[in-house]
Amino acid sequence: MSIKAKVGLRIKELRNKIGISQEALGNIAEIDRTYVTDVENGRRNISIENLEKLVNALQIPLKDFFDSPNFDK
């Protein structure tokens, strides 16, 4: 699995965990919903700045974002 796919799956997992839509996440992070969709589906090479915006919108520390079995390999 590519790193883009792993990051996208993690964002989707965390977004679903707190029960918000892609549009709501995009609004909170000040990122377009279509960008969020593309990232979650592994079609977008996310910048570190946008990753930080999304992680902040998900209200978790950046280090906790990468604390997932997806990133073990």
C-alpha atoms as a PDB file:
ATOM      1  CA  MET A   1       0.000   0.000   0.000  1.00  0.00           C
ATOM      2  CA  SER A   2       1.344   3.443  -0.894  1.00  0.00           C
ATOM      3  CA  ILE A   3       1.987   6.114   1.721  1.00  0.00           C
ATOM      4  CA  LYS A   4      -0.723   8.247   0.077  1.00  0.00           C
ATOM      5  CA  ALA A   5      -3.225   5.445   0.623  1.00  0.00           C
ATOM      6  CA  LYS A   6      -2.093   4.888   4.217  1.00  0.00           C
ATOM      7  CA  VAL A   7      -2.435   8.588   5.074  1.00  0.00           C
ATOM      8  CA  GLY A   8      -5.826   8.737   3.387  1.00  0.00           C
ATOM      9  CA  LEU A   9      -7.130   5.705   5.242  1.00  0.00           C
ATOM     10  CA  ARG A  10      -5.942   7.135   8.553  1.00  0.00           C
ATOM     11  CA  ILE A  11      -7.667  10.464   7.924  1.00  0.00           C
ATOM     12  CA  LYS A  12     -10.880   8.673   6.959  1.00  0.00           C
ATOM     13  CA  GLU A  13     -10.652   6.416  10.029  1.00  0.00           C
ATOM     14  CA  LEU A  14     -10.223   9.356  12.387  1.00  0.00           C
ATOM     15  CA  ARG A  15     -12.911  11.426  10.649  1.00  0.00           C
ATOM     16  CA  ASN A  16     -15.416   8.585  10.915  1.00  0.00           C
ATOM     17  CA  LYS A  17     -14.452   8.023  14.547  1.00  0.00           C
ATOM     18  CA  ILE A  18     -15.574  11.545  15.456  1.00  0.00           C
ATOM     19  CA  GLY A  19     -18.575  11.320  13.140  1.00  0.00           C
ATOM     20  CA  ILE A  20     -18.084  14.222  10.772  1.00  0.00           C
ATOM     21  CA  SER A  21     -18.431  14.454   7.013  1.00  0.00           C
ATOM     22  CA  GLN A  22     -15.666  15.204   4.545  1.00  0.00           C
ATOM     23  CA  GLU A  23     -17.283  18.592   3.995  1.00  0.00           C
ATOM     24  CA  ALA A  24     -17.295  19.376   7.724  1.00  0.00           C
ATOM     25  CA  LEU A  25     -13.652  18.323   8.040  1.00  0.00           C
ATOM     26  CA  GLY A  26     -12.735  20.459   5.061  1.00  0.00           C
ATOM     27  CA  ASN A  27     -14.570  23.450   6.521  1.00  0.00           C
ATOM     28  CA  ILE A  28     -12.858  23.111   9.889  1.00  0.00           C
ATOM     29  CA  ALA A  29      -9.432  22.670   8.252  1.00  0.00           C
ATOM     30  CA  GLU A  30     -10.152  25.383   5.653  1.00  0.00           C
ATOM     31  CA  ILE A  31      -9.526  22.885   2.842  1.00  0.00           C
ATOM     32  CA  ASP A  32     -11.887  22.122  -0.026  1.00  0.00           C
ATOM     33  CA  ARG A  33     -14.043  19.007   0.393  1.00  0.00           C
ATOM     34  CA  THR A  34     -12.878  17.607  -2.940  1.00  0.00           C
ATOM     35  CA  TYR A  35      -9.275  17.800  -1.705  1.00  0.00           C
ATOM     36  CA  VAL A  36     -10.256  15.839   1.418  1.00  0.00           C
ATOM     37  CA  THR A  37     -11.961  13.247  -0.794  1.00  0.00           C
ATOM     38  CA  ASP A  38      -8.885  12.903  -3.005  1.00  0.00           C
ATOM     39  CA  VAL A  39      -6.578  12.560   0.014  1.00  0.00           C
ATOM     40  CA  GLU A  40      -8.789   9.939   1.667  1.00  0.00           C
ATOM     41  CA  ASN A  41      -8.852   7.945  -1.557  1.00  0.00           C
ATOM     42  CA  GLY A  42      -5.065   8.093  -1.965  1.00  0.00           C
ATOM     43  CA  ARG A  43      -5.263  10.182  -5.139  1.00  0.00           C
ATOM     44  CA  ARG A  44      -3.578  13.255  -3.709  1.00  0.00           C
ATOM     45  CA  ASN A  45      -0.022  13.745  -2.502  1.00  0.00           C
ATOM     46  CA  ILE A  46      -0.852  15.794   0.584  1.00  0.00           C
ATOM     47  CA  SER A  47       1.466  18.574   1.660  1.00  0.00           C
ATOM     48  CA  ILE A  48       2.767  18.652   5.203  1.00  0.00           C
ATOM     49  CA  GLU A  49       0.938  21.960   5.750  1.00  0.00           C
ATOM     50  CA  ASN A  50      -2.404  20.444   4.741  1.00  0.00           C
ATOM     51  CA  LEU A  51      -1.730  17.334   6.793  1.00  0.00           C
ATOM     52  CA  GLU A  52      -1.205  19.574   9.806  1.00  0.00           C
ATOM     53  CA  LYS A  53      -4.477  21.421   9.092  1.00  0.00           C
ATOM     54  CA  LEU A  54      -6.402  18.156   8.861  1.00  0.00           C
ATOM     55  CA  VAL A  55      -4.799  16.667  11.972  1.00  0.00           C
ATOM     56  CA  ASN A  56      -5.586  19.841  13.910  1.00  0.00           C
ATOM     57  CA  ALA A  57      -9.172  19.717  12.639  1.00  0.00           C
ATOM     58  CA  LEU A  58      -9.364  16.100  13.841  1.00  0.00           C
ATOM     59  CA  GLN A  59      -8.130  17.348  17.232  1.00  0.00           C
ATOM     60  CA  ILE A  60      -5.290  14.902  17.716  1.00  0.00           C
ATOM     61  CA  PRO A  61      -1.550  15.463  18.127  1.00  0.00           C
ATOM     62  CA  LEU A  62       0.451  14.908  14.949  1.00  0.00           C
ATOM     63  CA  LYS A  63       2.480  12.150  16.622  1.00  0.00           C
ATOM     64  CA  ASP A  64      -0.756  10.272  17.391  1.00  0.00           C
ATOM     65  CA  PHE A  65      -1.777  10.457  13.738  1.00  0.00           C
ATOM     66  CA  PHE A  66       1.105   8.142  12.838  1.00  0.00           C
ATOM     67  CA  ASP A  67       0.423   5.821  15.790  1.00  0.00           C
ATOM     68  CA  SER A  68      -1.475   3.298  13.709  1.00  0.00           C
ATOM     69  CA  PRO A  69      -0.791  -0.217  12.427  1.00  0.00           C
ATOM     70  CA  ASN A  70      -1.060   1.242   8.895  1.00  0.00           C
ATOM     71  CA  PHE A  71       2.342   2.848   9.396  1.00  0.00           C
ATOM     72  CA  ASP A  72       4.160  -0.165  10.869  1.00  0.00           C
ATOM     73  CA  LYS A  73       5.434  -1.369   7.492  1.00  0.00           C
END
